[in-house]
Amino acid sequence: MAHTITLDESHLQTLDLTPAMAVIEPLIAAGKVLHGEPALRFEIDISRDPTDPRELSELPEVRLWFIRLDTVYPWLPLVLDWEAGELGRYAAMLVPHQFSPTEGIRYNPEGLEIFMMAKIFAIAAWQKSQGMTNYTRLKFMTQMLGYEIDDGLFDLLV
């Protein structure tokens, strides 16, 4: 079941994570986060100049909000609605990129590599702290962003 986190300008301007916490914390309390059950989506409702060509991920106040969210919930990519494209949009909030009308999002390769390794380390540690030793979903997440991770890496993270 998809859950939507709705943000408006005031949340972004004040770095207020309350809308996210109101959705995420009950899911944590109910034990639904451990297995990637919820499919989280973001709806960002802000007024914009119609002549501004930037994507939401290029707006500093939006990116800063997502950076803050990511530090509080580093495992969040695991529970995003991947089928709706939320993983790619979330990564775009945190990884430098360019947007091409013909090619879509083109992540900075070094930025994406750093992001992916940081996510692997943080999420694997979180999973381990929750008693989870199956990294299949984490590996699938990396594949969706163009990375193939060898199982041997997880053996190093004991």
N, C-alpha and C. Protein backbone atom coordinates (compact mmCIF):
# COMPACT_ATOMS: atom_id res chain seq x y z
N MET A 1 0.84 -1.18 0.00
CA MET A 1 0.00 0.00 0.00
C MET A 1 0.88 1.24 0.00
N ALA A 2 0.58 2.16 -0.88
CA ALA A 2 1.38 3.39 -0.99
C ALA A 2 0.95 4.40 0.08
N HIS A 3 1.92 5.09 0.61
CA HIS A 3 1.71 6.16 1.58
C HIS A 3 2.34 7.41 1.00
N THR A 4 1.62 8.52 1.05
CA THR A 4 2.12 9.76 0.47
C THR A 4 2.53 10.74 1.55
N ILE A 5 3.72 11.30 1.38
CA ILE A 5 4.23 12.36 2.24
C ILE A 5 4.06 13.65 1.45
N THR A 6 3.21 14.53 1.95
CA THR A 6 2.92 15.77 1.24
C THR A 6 3.67 16.93 1.88
N LEU A 7 4.40 17.65 1.05
CA LEU A 7 5.20 18.78 1.52
C LEU A 7 4.69 20.06 0.88
N ASP A 8 4.73 21.13 1.66
CA ASP A 8 4.42 22.44 1.08
C ASP A 8 5.61 23.37 1.34
N GLU A 9 5.48 24.58 0.88
CA GLU A 9 6.59 25.53 0.99
C GLU A 9 7.06 25.75 2.42
N SER A 10 6.13 25.80 3.36
CA SER A 10 6.52 26.06 4.75
C SER A 10 7.39 24.93 5.29
N HIS A 11 7.09 23.69 4.93
CA HIS A 11 7.91 22.56 5.38
C HIS A 11 9.33 22.67 4.83
N LEU A 12 9.42 23.04 3.56
CA LEU A 12 10.73 23.14 2.92
C LEU A 12 11.53 24.32 3.47
N GLN A 13 10.88 25.44 3.64
CA GLN A 13 11.58 26.65 4.11
C GLN A 13 12.09 26.52 5.54
N THR A 14 11.40 25.72 6.35
CA THR A 14 11.79 25.58 7.76
C THR A 14 12.46 24.23 8.05
N LEU A 15 12.69 23.45 7.00
CA LEU A 15 13.29 22.11 7.15
C LEU A 15 12.49 21.24 8.11
N ASP A 16 11.17 21.40 8.07
CA ASP A 16 10.25 20.70 8.96
C ASP A 16 9.98 19.29 8.43
N LEU A 17 10.43 18.31 9.18
CA LEU A 17 10.25 16.91 8.78
C LEU A 17 8.95 16.30 9.29
N THR A 18 8.12 17.10 9.95
CA THR A 18 6.88 16.59 10.53
C THR A 18 6.02 15.80 9.55
N PRO A 19 5.82 16.27 8.32
CA PRO A 19 4.98 15.46 7.40
C PRO A 19 5.55 14.07 7.15
N ALA A 20 6.86 13.97 7.04
CA ALA A 20 7.49 12.67 6.83
C ALA A 20 7.39 11.82 8.09
N MET A 21 7.68 12.42 9.22
CA MET A 21 7.63 11.67 10.48
C MET A 21 6.22 11.16 10.76
N ALA A 22 5.21 11.95 10.41
CA ALA A 22 3.82 11.55 10.65
C ALA A 22 3.44 10.30 9.86
N VAL A 23 4.09 10.07 8.75
CA VAL A 23 3.84 8.88 7.94
C VAL A 23 4.79 7.75 8.33
N ILE A 24 6.06 8.06 8.51
CA ILE A 24 7.08 7.04 8.72
C ILE A 24 7.04 6.43 10.12
N GLU A 25 6.92 7.25 11.14
CA GLU A 25 6.99 6.74 12.52
C GLU A 25 5.91 5.70 12.83
N PRO A 26 4.64 5.89 12.42
CA PRO A 26 3.66 4.82 12.66
C PRO A 26 4.00 3.52 11.92
N LEU A 27 4.61 3.63 10.75
CA LEU A 27 5.02 2.44 10.01
C LEU A 27 6.14 1.71 10.75
N ILE A 28 7.06 2.48 11.33
CA ILE A 28 8.13 1.88 12.13
C ILE A 28 7.52 1.17 13.34
N ALA A 29 6.62 1.87 14.04
CA ALA A 29 6.00 1.31 15.25
C ALA A 29 5.23 0.03 14.94
N ALA A 30 4.63 -0.05 13.76
CA ALA A 30 3.86 -1.23 13.37
C ALA A 30 4.75 -2.34 12.80
N GLY A 31 6.05 -2.08 12.70
CA GLY A 31 6.98 -3.09 12.18
C GLY A 31 6.90 -3.30 10.68
N LYS A 32 6.35 -2.34 9.96
CA LYS A 32 6.16 -2.50 8.52
C LYS A 32 7.37 -2.05 7.70
N VAL A 33 8.32 -1.42 8.31
CA VAL A 33 9.46 -0.89 7.56
C VAL A 33 10.52 -1.95 7.29
N LEU A 34 10.63 -2.91 8.17
CA LEU A 34 11.72 -3.89 8.08
C LEU A 34 11.77 -4.66 6.78
N HIS A 35 10.65 -4.90 6.19
CA HIS A 35 10.62 -5.73 4.99
C HIS A 35 10.25 -4.94 3.74
N GLY A 36 10.38 -3.63 3.81
CA GLY A 36 10.11 -2.80 2.65
C GLY A 36 8.65 -2.81 2.23
N GLU A 37 7.76 -3.08 3.19
CA GLU A 37 6.34 -3.17 2.87
C GLU A 37 5.73 -1.86 2.40
N PRO A 38 5.93 -0.77 3.12
CA PRO A 38 5.28 0.46 2.64
C PRO A 38 5.93 0.95 1.36
N ALA A 39 5.15 1.58 0.56
CA ALA A 39 5.66 2.19 -0.67
C ALA A 39 5.44 3.69 -0.51
N LEU A 40 6.48 4.39 -0.11
CA LEU A 40 6.35 5.82 0.16
C LEU A 40 6.50 6.64 -1.10
N ARG A 41 5.67 7.67 -1.17
CA ARG A 41 5.71 8.62 -2.28
C ARG A 41 5.77 10.02 -1.70
N PHE A 42 6.30 10.93 -2.49
CA PHE A 42 6.36 12.34 -2.09
C PHE A 42 5.51 13.17 -3.04
N GLU A 43 4.76 14.07 -2.46
CA GLU A 43 4.02 15.05 -3.24
C GLU A 43 4.50 16.42 -2.75
N ILE A 44 5.06 17.18 -3.65
CA ILE A 44 5.63 18.48 -3.29
C ILE A 44 4.77 19.57 -3.91
N ASP A 45 4.11 20.32 -3.04
CA ASP A 45 3.16 21.34 -3.47
C ASP A 45 3.73 22.72 -3.16
N ILE A 46 4.43 23.29 -4.13
CA ILE A 46 4.99 24.62 -3.95
C ILE A 46 4.65 25.48 -5.16
N SER A 47 4.54 26.78 -4.91
CA SER A 47 4.29 27.69 -6.03
C SER A 47 5.62 28.00 -6.69
N ARG A 48 5.58 28.05 -8.02
CA ARG A 48 6.81 28.29 -8.78
C ARG A 48 6.54 29.24 -9.91
N ASP A 49 7.56 29.96 -10.26
CA ASP A 49 7.50 30.83 -11.43
C ASP A 49 7.37 29.93 -12.66
N PRO A 50 6.34 30.13 -13.47
CA PRO A 50 6.16 29.25 -14.63
C PRO A 50 7.30 29.31 -15.64
N THR A 51 8.14 30.34 -15.55
CA THR A 51 9.27 30.43 -16.49
C THR A 51 10.54 29.78 -15.93
N ASP A 52 10.47 29.28 -14.69
CA ASP A 52 11.63 28.64 -14.07
C ASP A 52 11.77 27.23 -14.65
N PRO A 53 12.84 26.95 -15.40
CA PRO A 53 12.98 25.65 -16.06
C PRO A 53 13.51 24.54 -15.15
N ARG A 54 13.87 24.87 -13.92
CA ARG A 54 14.51 23.87 -13.06
C ARG A 54 13.53 22.79 -12.60
N GLU A 55 14.08 21.59 -12.46
CA GLU A 55 13.35 20.49 -11.86
C GLU A 55 13.30 20.73 -10.35
N LEU A 56 12.37 20.07 -9.65
CA LEU A 56 12.29 20.22 -8.20
C LEU A 56 13.62 19.89 -7.52
N SER A 57 14.30 18.88 -8.03
CA SER A 57 15.57 18.46 -7.42
C SER A 57 16.68 19.49 -7.61
N GLU A 58 16.43 20.50 -8.42
CA GLU A 58 17.43 21.55 -8.63
C GLU A 58 17.17 22.77 -7.75
N LEU A 59 16.09 22.74 -6.99
CA LEU A 59 15.77 23.85 -6.10
C LEU A 59 16.46 23.63 -4.76
N PRO A 60 17.29 24.57 -4.33
CA PRO A 60 18.07 24.38 -3.10
C PRO A 60 17.24 24.03 -1.87
N GLU A 61 16.10 24.68 -1.69
CA GLU A 61 15.31 24.41 -0.50
C GLU A 61 14.72 23.00 -0.51
N VAL A 62 14.43 22.48 -1.69
CA VAL A 62 13.91 21.12 -1.80
C VAL A 62 15.04 20.12 -1.51
N ARG A 63 16.16 20.34 -2.13
CA ARG A 63 17.31 19.43 -1.92
C ARG A 63 17.73 19.41 -0.46
N LEU A 64 17.79 20.57 0.17
CA LEU A 64 18.22 20.64 1.57
C LEU A 64 17.26 19.86 2.47
N TRP A 65 15.96 19.97 2.20
CA TRP A 65 14.98 19.22 2.99
C TRP A 65 15.23 17.72 2.86
N PHE A 66 15.48 17.26 1.64
CA PHE A 66 15.71 15.83 1.42
C PHE A 66 17.04 15.38 2.03
N ILE A 67 18.04 16.23 2.02
CA ILE A 67 19.30 15.89 2.68
C ILE A 67 19.07 15.69 4.17
N ARG A 68 18.28 16.58 4.77
CA ARG A 68 17.98 16.43 6.20
C ARG A 68 17.20 15.14 6.45
N LEU A 69 16.20 14.88 5.62
CA LEU A 69 15.41 13.66 5.77
C LEU A 69 16.30 12.42 5.68
N ASP A 70 17.21 12.43 4.74
CA ASP A 70 18.09 11.28 4.52
C ASP A 70 19.01 11.03 5.71
N THR A 71 19.39 12.07 6.43
CA THR A 71 20.24 11.85 7.60
C THR A 71 19.45 11.25 8.76
N VAL A 72 18.15 11.54 8.82
CA VAL A 72 17.31 10.99 9.89
C VAL A 72 16.90 9.56 9.58
N TYR A 73 16.59 9.29 8.32
CA TYR A 73 16.15 7.96 7.89
C TYR A 73 17.03 7.48 6.73
N PRO A 74 18.27 7.08 7.00
CA PRO A 74 19.17 6.71 5.90
C PRO A 74 18.72 5.47 5.12
N TRP A 75 17.85 4.68 5.70
CA TRP A 75 17.34 3.48 5.05
C TRP A 75 16.10 3.75 4.19
N LEU A 76 15.65 4.99 4.14
CA LEU A 76 14.41 5.34 3.46
C LEU A 76 14.33 4.85 2.00
N PRO A 77 15.42 4.86 1.23
CA PRO A 77 15.30 4.38 -0.16
C PRO A 77 14.71 2.97 -0.27
N LEU A 78 14.90 2.14 0.76
CA LEU A 78 14.37 0.77 0.71
C LEU A 78 12.85 0.74 0.68
N VAL A 79 12.20 1.75 1.24
CA VAL A 79 10.75 1.71 1.37
C VAL A 79 10.03 2.71 0.47
N LEU A 80 10.74 3.26 -0.49
CA LEU A 80 10.10 4.16 -1.45
C LEU A 80 9.32 3.34 -2.48
N ASP A 81 8.39 3.98 -3.14
CA ASP A 81 7.61 3.33 -4.20
C ASP A 81 8.45 3.30 -5.47
N TRP A 82 9.24 2.26 -5.62
CA TRP A 82 10.16 2.15 -6.74
C TRP A 82 9.41 2.12 -8.06
N GLU A 83 8.28 1.43 -8.08
CA GLU A 83 7.52 1.29 -9.32
C GLU A 83 7.01 2.64 -9.83
N ALA A 84 6.80 3.58 -8.92
CA ALA A 84 6.33 4.91 -9.31
C ALA A 84 7.49 5.86 -9.61
N GLY A 85 8.72 5.34 -9.56
CA GLY A 85 9.89 6.17 -9.87
C GLY A 85 10.44 6.97 -8.71
N GLU A 86 9.96 6.67 -7.50
CA GLU A 86 10.39 7.46 -6.33
C GLU A 86 11.87 7.27 -6.00
N LEU A 87 12.43 6.10 -6.27
CA LEU A 87 13.85 5.89 -5.97
C LEU A 87 14.72 6.81 -6.81
N GLY A 88 14.44 6.89 -8.09
CA GLY A 88 15.21 7.77 -8.98
C GLY A 88 15.06 9.23 -8.60
N ARG A 89 13.83 9.64 -8.25
CA ARG A 89 13.61 11.03 -7.85
C ARG A 89 14.31 11.34 -6.53
N TYR A 90 14.27 10.38 -5.60
CA TYR A 90 14.94 10.57 -4.31
C TYR A 90 16.45 10.71 -4.52
N ALA A 91 17.02 9.85 -5.34
CA ALA A 91 18.45 9.93 -5.63
C ALA A 91 18.79 11.27 -6.27
N ALA A 92 17.91 11.76 -7.13
CA ALA A 92 18.15 13.06 -7.79
C ALA A 92 18.19 14.20 -6.77
N MET A 93 17.49 14.04 -5.66
CA MET A 93 17.52 15.08 -4.62
C MET A 93 18.88 15.12 -3.92
N LEU A 94 19.60 14.00 -3.94
CA LEU A 94 20.83 13.87 -3.16
C LEU A 94 22.10 13.76 -3.99
N VAL A 95 21.97 13.49 -5.27
CA VAL A 95 23.14 13.27 -6.13
C VAL A 95 23.15 14.33 -7.23
N PRO A 96 24.29 15.00 -7.42
CA PRO A 96 24.37 15.96 -8.53
C PRO A 96 24.04 15.26 -9.85
N HIS A 97 23.32 15.96 -10.70
CA HIS A 97 22.89 15.36 -11.96
C HIS A 97 22.55 16.45 -12.97
N GLN A 98 22.32 16.00 -14.17
CA GLN A 98 21.80 16.86 -15.22
C GLN A 98 20.57 16.18 -15.77
N PHE A 99 19.66 16.98 -16.30
CA PHE A 99 18.45 16.42 -16.88
C PHE A 99 18.44 16.70 -18.37
N SER A 100 18.19 15.66 -19.13
CA SER A 100 18.10 15.79 -20.58
C SER A 100 16.72 15.34 -21.02
N PRO A 101 16.05 16.13 -21.85
CA PRO A 101 14.72 15.71 -22.33
C PRO A 101 14.75 14.38 -23.08
N THR A 102 15.87 14.06 -23.70
CA THR A 102 15.95 12.82 -24.46
C THR A 102 16.49 11.65 -23.65
N GLU A 103 17.39 11.93 -22.69
CA GLU A 103 18.02 10.86 -21.92
C GLU A 103 17.53 10.78 -20.48
N GLY A 104 16.76 11.74 -20.02
CA GLY A 104 16.28 11.74 -18.64
C GLY A 104 17.38 12.18 -17.69
N ILE A 105 17.33 11.65 -16.48
CA ILE A 105 18.31 12.02 -15.46
C ILE A 105 19.65 11.37 -15.76
N ARG A 106 20.70 12.17 -15.76
CA ARG A 106 22.08 11.69 -15.92
C ARG A 106 22.82 12.08 -14.66
N TYR A 107 23.00 11.12 -13.75
CA TYR A 107 23.68 11.39 -12.49
C TYR A 107 25.16 11.61 -12.72
N ASN A 108 25.75 12.46 -11.90
CA ASN A 108 27.20 12.60 -11.89
C ASN A 108 27.75 11.25 -11.44
N PRO A 109 28.61 10.59 -12.24
CA PRO A 109 29.06 9.24 -11.91
C PRO A 109 29.74 9.12 -10.55
N GLU A 110 30.62 10.05 -10.22
CA GLU A 110 31.31 9.98 -8.93
C GLU A 110 30.34 10.25 -7.79
N GLY A 111 29.44 11.19 -7.99
CA GLY A 111 28.44 11.50 -6.97
C GLY A 111 27.53 10.31 -6.71
N LEU A 112 27.13 9.63 -7.78
CA LEU A 112 26.26 8.46 -7.63
C LEU A 112 27.00 7.32 -6.93
N GLU A 113 28.27 7.15 -7.27
CA GLU A 113 29.05 6.09 -6.63
C GLU A 113 29.18 6.34 -5.13
N ILE A 114 29.47 7.57 -4.75
CA ILE A 114 29.57 7.91 -3.32
C ILE A 114 28.23 7.70 -2.63
N PHE A 115 27.15 8.16 -3.26
CA PHE A 115 25.81 7.98 -2.71
C PHE A 115 25.50 6.50 -2.51
N MET A 116 25.78 5.68 -3.54
CA MET A 116 25.46 4.26 -3.47
C MET A 116 26.25 3.56 -2.36
N MET A 117 27.54 3.85 -2.28
CA MET A 117 28.33 3.19 -1.24
C MET A 117 27.89 3.63 0.15
N ALA A 118 27.58 4.91 0.32
CA ALA A 118 27.09 5.40 1.61
C ALA A 118 25.77 4.72 1.96
N LYS A 119 24.88 4.56 0.99
CA LYS A 119 23.60 3.89 1.23
C LYS A 119 23.82 2.42 1.58
N ILE A 120 24.70 1.75 0.85
CA ILE A 120 24.97 0.34 1.14
C ILE A 120 25.47 0.18 2.57
N PHE A 121 26.45 1.00 2.96
CA PHE A 121 27.00 0.88 4.31
C PHE A 121 25.95 1.21 5.37
N ALA A 122 25.20 2.28 5.18
CA ALA A 122 24.21 2.70 6.18
C ALA A 122 23.05 1.71 6.26
N ILE A 123 22.55 1.28 5.12
CA ILE A 123 21.39 0.39 5.12
C ILE A 123 21.77 -1.00 5.61
N ALA A 124 22.93 -1.50 5.21
CA ALA A 124 23.37 -2.82 5.69
C ALA A 124 23.55 -2.80 7.21
N ALA A 125 24.11 -1.73 7.74
CA ALA A 125 24.27 -1.61 9.20
C ALA A 125 22.91 -1.55 9.88
N TRP A 126 21.98 -0.80 9.30
CA TRP A 126 20.64 -0.70 9.88
C TRP A 126 19.95 -2.07 9.84
N GLN A 127 20.06 -2.76 8.69
CA GLN A 127 19.44 -4.08 8.59
C GLN A 127 20.02 -5.03 9.63
N LYS A 128 21.32 -5.00 9.78
CA LYS A 128 21.97 -5.87 10.76
C LYS A 128 21.47 -5.55 12.17
N SER A 129 21.32 -4.26 12.48
CA SER A 129 20.85 -3.86 13.82
C SER A 129 19.41 -4.32 14.05
N GLN A 130 18.67 -4.57 12.97
CA GLN A 130 17.29 -5.04 13.07
C GLN A 130 17.20 -6.57 12.97
N GLY A 131 18.36 -7.23 12.93
CA GLY A 131 18.38 -8.69 12.87
C GLY A 131 18.16 -9.25 11.47
N MET A 132 18.30 -8.42 10.47
CA MET A 132 18.10 -8.87 9.09
C MET A 132 19.45 -9.17 8.45
N THR A 133 19.56 -10.33 7.83
CA THR A 133 20.82 -10.69 7.18
C THR A 133 20.65 -10.92 5.68
N ASN A 134 19.45 -10.73 5.18
CA ASN A 134 19.18 -10.88 3.75
C ASN A 134 19.28 -9.51 3.10
N TYR A 135 20.22 -9.36 2.19
CA TYR A 135 20.45 -8.07 1.55
C TYR A 135 19.90 -8.01 0.12
N THR A 136 18.96 -8.89 -0.20
CA THR A 136 18.43 -8.96 -1.56
C THR A 136 17.80 -7.64 -2.00
N ARG A 137 16.98 -7.05 -1.15
CA ARG A 137 16.31 -5.80 -1.53
C ARG A 137 17.33 -4.67 -1.69
N LEU A 138 18.33 -4.64 -0.83
CA LEU A 138 19.39 -3.64 -0.94
C LEU A 138 20.14 -3.81 -2.26
N LYS A 139 20.45 -5.04 -2.62
CA LYS A 139 21.13 -5.30 -3.89
C LYS A 139 20.25 -4.88 -5.07
N PHE A 140 18.97 -5.16 -4.97
CA PHE A 140 18.05 -4.77 -6.04
C PHE A 140 17.99 -3.25 -6.17
N MET A 141 18.02 -2.57 -5.03
CA MET A 141 18.01 -1.10 -5.05
C MET A 141 19.23 -0.58 -5.81
N THR A 142 20.39 -1.16 -5.56
CA THR A 142 21.60 -0.70 -6.25
C THR A 142 21.50 -0.99 -7.75
N GLN A 143 20.92 -2.12 -8.10
CA GLN A 143 20.75 -2.47 -9.51
C GLN A 143 19.84 -1.47 -10.22
N MET A 144 18.81 -1.02 -9.52
CA MET A 144 17.89 -0.06 -10.13
C MET A 144 18.58 1.26 -10.46
N LEU A 145 19.67 1.55 -9.76
CA LEU A 145 20.42 2.77 -10.02
C LEU A 145 21.70 2.49 -10.82
N GLY A 146 21.78 1.27 -11.39
CA GLY A 146 22.86 0.95 -12.32
C GLY A 146 24.10 0.34 -11.71
N TYR A 147 24.01 -0.18 -10.49
CA TYR A 147 25.18 -0.78 -9.85
C TYR A 147 24.93 -2.26 -9.59
N GLU A 148 25.97 -3.04 -9.79
CA GLU A 148 25.94 -4.47 -9.49
C GLU A 148 26.87 -4.68 -8.30
N ILE A 149 26.33 -5.17 -7.21
CA ILE A 149 27.12 -5.35 -5.99
C ILE A 149 27.36 -6.84 -5.77
N ASP A 150 28.60 -7.20 -5.58
CA ASP A 150 28.98 -8.58 -5.31
C ASP A 150 28.63 -8.92 -3.86
N ASP A 151 28.16 -10.15 -3.64
CA ASP A 151 27.82 -10.59 -2.28
C ASP A 151 29.00 -10.49 -1.33
N GLY A 152 30.21 -10.59 -1.86
CA GLY A 152 31.40 -10.51 -1.02
C GLY A 152 31.51 -9.20 -0.26
N LEU A 153 30.96 -8.14 -0.82
CA LEU A 153 31.00 -6.86 -0.12
C LEU A 153 30.29 -6.96 1.23
N PHE A 154 29.16 -7.65 1.26
CA PHE A 154 28.40 -7.76 2.50
C PHE A 154 29.14 -8.60 3.54
N ASP A 155 29.96 -9.55 3.07
CA ASP A 155 30.78 -10.33 4.00
C ASP A 155 31.81 -9.45 4.71
N LEU A 156 32.24 -8.40 4.03
CA LEU A 156 33.20 -7.48 4.63
C LEU A 156 32.57 -6.58 5.69
N LEU A 157 31.26 -6.47 5.67
CA LEU A 157 30.55 -5.55 6.56
C LEU A 157 30.09 -6.22 7.85
N VAL A 158 30.78 -7.24 8.27
CA VAL A 158 30.41 -7.98 9.48
C VAL A 158 30.52 -7.10 10.70
